[in-house]
């Protein structure tokens, strides 16, 4: 008798859950379903020297900017250090957060906010010098 009762309650619960799921409005997710891939500049010769993977460095950088999405990523030598540099966009905030992660140790070396104007200057090709 107990077994029949348990089966009946379980069946009723499953039926109710299935019908609720079919009529309940769909919840919106915080991240867009089609996110553009970040602009990536990872030279092969530098990647061979890195001890930390791009994926691990990206995860470290994103942990410093909750809710952000990577807009661009690059591996470069800066001030003699091999670093991953990430520009992370935060919804509702202008500009980007730039996070630099050591490609050797995986530690965050710097985090700073770049305004939209500063970011635009950084992306522009350098102007030739006039003699």
C-alpha atoms as a PDB file:
ATOM      1  CA  UNK A   1       0.000   0.000   0.000  1.00  0.00           C
ATOM      2  CA  UNK A   2       2.782   2.467   0.921  1.00  0.00           C
ATOM      3  CA  UNK A   3       4.604   1.684  -2.296  1.00  0.00           C
ATOM      4  CA  UNK A   4       1.505   2.385  -4.413  1.00  0.00           C
ATOM      5  CA  UNK A   5       0.934   5.644  -2.563  1.00  0.00           C
ATOM      6  CA  UNK A   6       4.548   6.770  -3.098  1.00  0.00           C
ATOM      7  CA  UNK A   7       4.352   5.938  -6.797  1.00  0.00           C
ATOM      8  CA  UNK A   8       1.067   7.846  -7.148  1.00  0.00           C
ATOM      9  CA  UNK A   9       2.486  10.950  -5.424  1.00  0.00           C
ATOM     10  CA  UNK A  10       5.656  10.803  -7.503  1.00  0.00           C
ATOM     11  CA  UNK A  11       3.662  10.515 -10.732  1.00  0.00           C
ATOM     12  CA  UNK A  12       1.449  13.436  -9.708  1.00  0.00           C
ATOM     13  CA  UNK A  13       4.462  15.573  -8.822  1.00  0.00           C
ATOM     14  CA  UNK A  14       6.168  14.810 -12.139  1.00  0.00           C
ATOM     15  CA  UNK A  15       2.988  15.576 -14.082  1.00  0.00           C
ATOM     16  CA  UNK A  16       2.569  18.883 -12.247  1.00  0.00           C
ATOM     17  CA  UNK A  17       6.200  19.831 -12.802  1.00  0.00           C
ATOM     18  CA  UNK A  18       5.989  19.007 -16.511  1.00  0.00           C
ATOM     19  CA  UNK A  19       2.823  21.028 -17.027  1.00  0.00           C
ATOM     20  CA  UNK A  20       4.236  23.971 -15.050  1.00  0.00           C
ATOM     21  CA  UNK A  21       7.400  23.960 -17.148  1.00  0.00           C
ATOM     22  CA  UNK A  22       5.367  24.036 -20.346  1.00  0.00           C
ATOM     23  CA  UNK A  23       3.311  27.071 -19.310  1.00  0.00           C
ATOM     24  CA  UNK A  24       5.827  29.022 -17.250  1.00  0.00           C
ATOM     25  CA  UNK A  25       7.443  32.011 -18.962  1.00  0.00           C
ATOM     26  CA  UNK A  26      11.035  31.485 -19.982  1.00  0.00           C
ATOM     27  CA  UNK A  27      13.582  33.178 -17.733  1.00  0.00           C
ATOM     28  CA  UNK A  28      15.993  35.538 -19.435  1.00  0.00           C
ATOM     29  CA  UNK A  29      19.659  34.768 -19.015  1.00  0.00           C
ATOM     30  CA  UNK A  30      22.163  37.431 -18.045  1.00  0.00           C
ATOM     31  CA  UNK A  31      24.569  36.554 -20.844  1.00  0.00           C
ATOM     32  CA  UNK A  32      23.555  36.880 -24.479  1.00  0.00           C
ATOM     33  CA  UNK A  33      23.159  33.624 -26.344  1.00  0.00           C
ATOM     34  CA  UNK A  34      25.152  34.827 -29.323  1.00  0.00           C
ATOM     35  CA  UNK A  35      28.204  36.579 -27.970  1.00  0.00           C
ATOM     36  CA  UNK A  36      30.752  37.857 -30.460  1.00  0.00           C
ATOM     37  CA  UNK A  37      34.161  36.263 -30.181  1.00  0.00           C
ATOM     38  CA  UNK A  38      36.744  38.603 -28.677  1.00  0.00           C
ATOM     39  CA  UNK A  39      39.393  40.182 -30.877  1.00  0.00           C
ATOM     40  CA  UNK A  40      42.417  37.999 -30.226  1.00  0.00           C
ATOM     41  CA  UNK A  41      46.125  38.617 -30.850  1.00  0.00           C
ATOM     42  CA  UNK A  42      48.153  35.671 -29.540  1.00  0.00           C
ATOM     43  CA  UNK A  43      51.465  35.352 -31.455  1.00  0.00           C
ATOM     44  CA  UNK A  44      52.590  31.716 -31.712  1.00  0.00           C
ATOM     45  CA  UNK A  45      56.188  32.502 -30.706  1.00  0.00           C
ATOM     46  CA  UNK A  46      55.034  34.173 -27.478  1.00  0.00           C
ATOM     47  CA  UNK A  47      52.422  31.474 -26.783  1.00  0.00           C
ATOM     48  CA  UNK A  48      55.242  28.893 -26.700  1.00  0.00           C
ATOM     49  CA  UNK A  49      56.911  30.879 -23.904  1.00  0.00           C
ATOM     50  CA  UNK A  50      53.757  31.176 -21.769  1.00  0.00           C
ATOM     51  CA  UNK A  51      53.381  28.806 -18.824  1.00  0.00           C
ATOM     52  CA  UNK A  52      49.741  29.790 -18.241  1.00  0.00           C
ATOM     53  CA  UNK A  53      47.105  28.984 -20.856  1.00  0.00           C
ATOM     54  CA  UNK A  54      44.994  31.696 -22.444  1.00  0.00           C
ATOM     55  CA  UNK A  55      41.866  30.089 -20.977  1.00  0.00           C
ATOM     56  CA  UNK A  56      43.262  30.116 -17.415  1.00  0.00           C
ATOM     57  CA  UNK A  57      44.399  33.735 -17.754  1.00  0.00           C
ATOM     58  CA  UNK A  58      40.998  34.741 -19.170  1.00  0.00           C
ATOM     59  CA  UNK A  59      39.222  33.101 -16.216  1.00  0.00           C
ATOM     60  CA  UNK A  60      41.502  34.954 -13.783  1.00  0.00           C
ATOM     61  CA  UNK A  61      40.825  38.282 -15.509  1.00  0.00           C
ATOM     62  CA  UNK A  62      37.055  37.733 -15.609  1.00  0.00           C
ATOM     63  CA  UNK A  63      37.071  36.917 -11.881  1.00  0.00           C
ATOM     64  CA  UNK A  64      38.373  40.469 -11.287  1.00  0.00           C
ATOM     65  CA  UNK A  65      35.506  41.995 -13.324  1.00  0.00           C
ATOM     66  CA  UNK A  66      32.250  40.265 -12.331  1.00  0.00           C
ATOM     67  CA  UNK A  67      29.590  40.284 -15.051  1.00  0.00           C
ATOM     68  CA  UNK A  68      32.047  41.428 -17.715  1.00  0.00           C
ATOM     69  CA  UNK A  69      32.708  39.976 -21.149  1.00  0.00           C
ATOM     70  CA  UNK A  70      36.063  39.907 -22.905  1.00  0.00           C
ATOM     71  CA  UNK A  71      36.118  42.358 -25.811  1.00  0.00           C
ATOM     72  CA  UNK A  72      39.753  41.762 -26.791  1.00  0.00           C
ATOM     73  CA  UNK A  73      42.704  39.704 -25.625  1.00  0.00           C
ATOM     74  CA  UNK A  74      46.372  39.719 -26.488  1.00  0.00           C
ATOM     75  CA  UNK A  75      49.649  38.192 -25.434  1.00  0.00           C
ATOM     76  CA  UNK A  76      52.513  40.656 -25.403  1.00  0.00           C
ATOM     77  CA  UNK A  77      55.787  41.620 -23.817  1.00  0.00           C
ATOM     78  CA  UNK A  78      55.345  44.754 -21.750  1.00  0.00           C
ATOM     79  CA  UNK A  79      58.083  46.245 -19.552  1.00  0.00           C
ATOM     80  CA  UNK A  80      60.066  43.027 -19.987  1.00  0.00           C
ATOM     81  CA  UNK A  81      57.200  40.809 -18.763  1.00  0.00           C
ATOM     82  CA  UNK A  82      55.168  38.341 -20.796  1.00  0.00           C
ATOM     83  CA  UNK A  83      51.524  39.232 -20.135  1.00  0.00           C
ATOM     84  CA  UNK A  84      48.013  38.519 -21.289  1.00  0.00           C
ATOM     85  CA  UNK A  85      46.077  41.763 -21.624  1.00  0.00           C
ATOM     86  CA  UNK A  86      42.263  41.646 -21.575  1.00  0.00           C
ATOM     87  CA  UNK A  87      39.816  44.454 -22.340  1.00  0.00           C
ATOM     88  CA  UNK A  88      36.627  43.567 -20.504  1.00  0.00           C
ATOM     89  CA  UNK A  89      33.308  45.300 -21.176  1.00  0.00           C
ATOM     90  CA  UNK A  90      30.915  45.725 -18.259  1.00  0.00           C
ATOM     91  CA  UNK A  91      27.225  46.131 -19.177  1.00  0.00           C
ATOM     92  CA  UNK A  92      25.966  49.628 -18.436  1.00  0.00           C
ATOM     93  CA  UNK A  93      29.471  51.076 -18.023  1.00  0.00           C
ATOM     94  CA  UNK A  94      31.351  53.090 -20.636  1.00  0.00           C
ATOM     95  CA  UNK A  95      34.876  52.156 -21.602  1.00  0.00           C
ATOM     96  CA  UNK A  96      36.534  48.897 -20.576  1.00  0.00           C
ATOM     97  CA  UNK A  97      38.403  47.386 -17.669  1.00  0.00           C
ATOM     98  CA  UNK A  98      41.913  46.402 -18.725  1.00  0.00           C
ATOM     99  CA  UNK A  99      43.292  43.454 -16.765  1.00  0.00           C
ATOM    100  CA  UNK A 100      46.876  42.252 -17.209  1.00  0.00           C
ATOM    101  CA  UNK A 101      47.708  38.699 -16.153  1.00  0.00           C
ATOM    102  CA  UNK A 102      51.223  37.267 -16.022  1.00  0.00           C
ATOM    103  CA  UNK A 103      51.660  34.544 -18.646  1.00  0.00           C
ATOM    104  CA  UNK A 104      54.312  32.997 -16.382  1.00  0.00           C
ATOM    105  CA  UNK A 105      52.704  33.022 -12.906  1.00  0.00           C
ATOM    106  CA  UNK A 106      49.002  33.545 -13.659  1.00  0.00           C
ATOM    107  CA  UNK A 107      48.788  36.445 -11.183  1.00  0.00           C
ATOM    108  CA  UNK A 108      46.977  39.703 -11.923  1.00  0.00           C
ATOM    109  CA  UNK A 109      49.620  42.372 -12.503  1.00  0.00           C
ATOM    110  CA  UNK A 110      47.347  45.345 -13.137  1.00  0.00           C
ATOM    111  CA  UNK A 111      43.700  46.351 -13.432  1.00  0.00           C
ATOM    112  CA  UNK A 112      42.607  49.764 -14.627  1.00  0.00           C
ATOM    113  CA  UNK A 113      39.614  51.438 -16.220  1.00  0.00           C
ATOM    114  CA  UNK A 114      40.059  52.833 -19.715  1.00  0.00           C
ATOM    115  CA  UNK A 115      37.559  55.414 -20.932  1.00  0.00           C
ATOM    116  CA  UNK A 116      36.063  55.055 -24.394  1.00  0.00           C
ATOM    117  CA  UNK A 117      38.324  57.912 -25.582  1.00  0.00           C
ATOM    118  CA  UNK A 118      41.509  56.288 -24.221  1.00  0.00           C
ATOM    119  CA  UNK A 119      40.539  52.945 -25.698  1.00  0.00           C
ATOM    120  CA  UNK A 120      39.929  54.513 -29.117  1.00  0.00           C
ATOM    121  CA  UNK A 121      43.395  56.157 -29.052  1.00  0.00           C
ATOM    122  CA  UNK A 122      44.973  52.823 -28.113  1.00  0.00           C
ATOM    123  CA  UNK A 123      43.281  51.012 -31.007  1.00  0.00           C
ATOM    124  CA  UNK A 124      44.271  53.641 -33.610  1.00  0.00           C
ATOM    125  CA  UNK A 125      47.439  52.950 -35.609  1.00  0.00           C
ATOM    126  CA  UNK A 126      50.391  55.101 -34.560  1.00  0.00           C
ATOM    127  CA  UNK A 127      50.835  58.332 -36.491  1.00  0.00           C
ATOM    128  CA  UNK A 128      54.046  58.601 -38.541  1.00  0.00           C
ATOM    129  CA  UNK A 129      56.608  61.091 -37.255  1.00  0.00           C
ATOM    130  CA  UNK A 130      57.239  64.160 -39.401  1.00  0.00           C
ATOM    131  CA  UNK A 131      60.905  64.951 -39.983  1.00  0.00           C
END
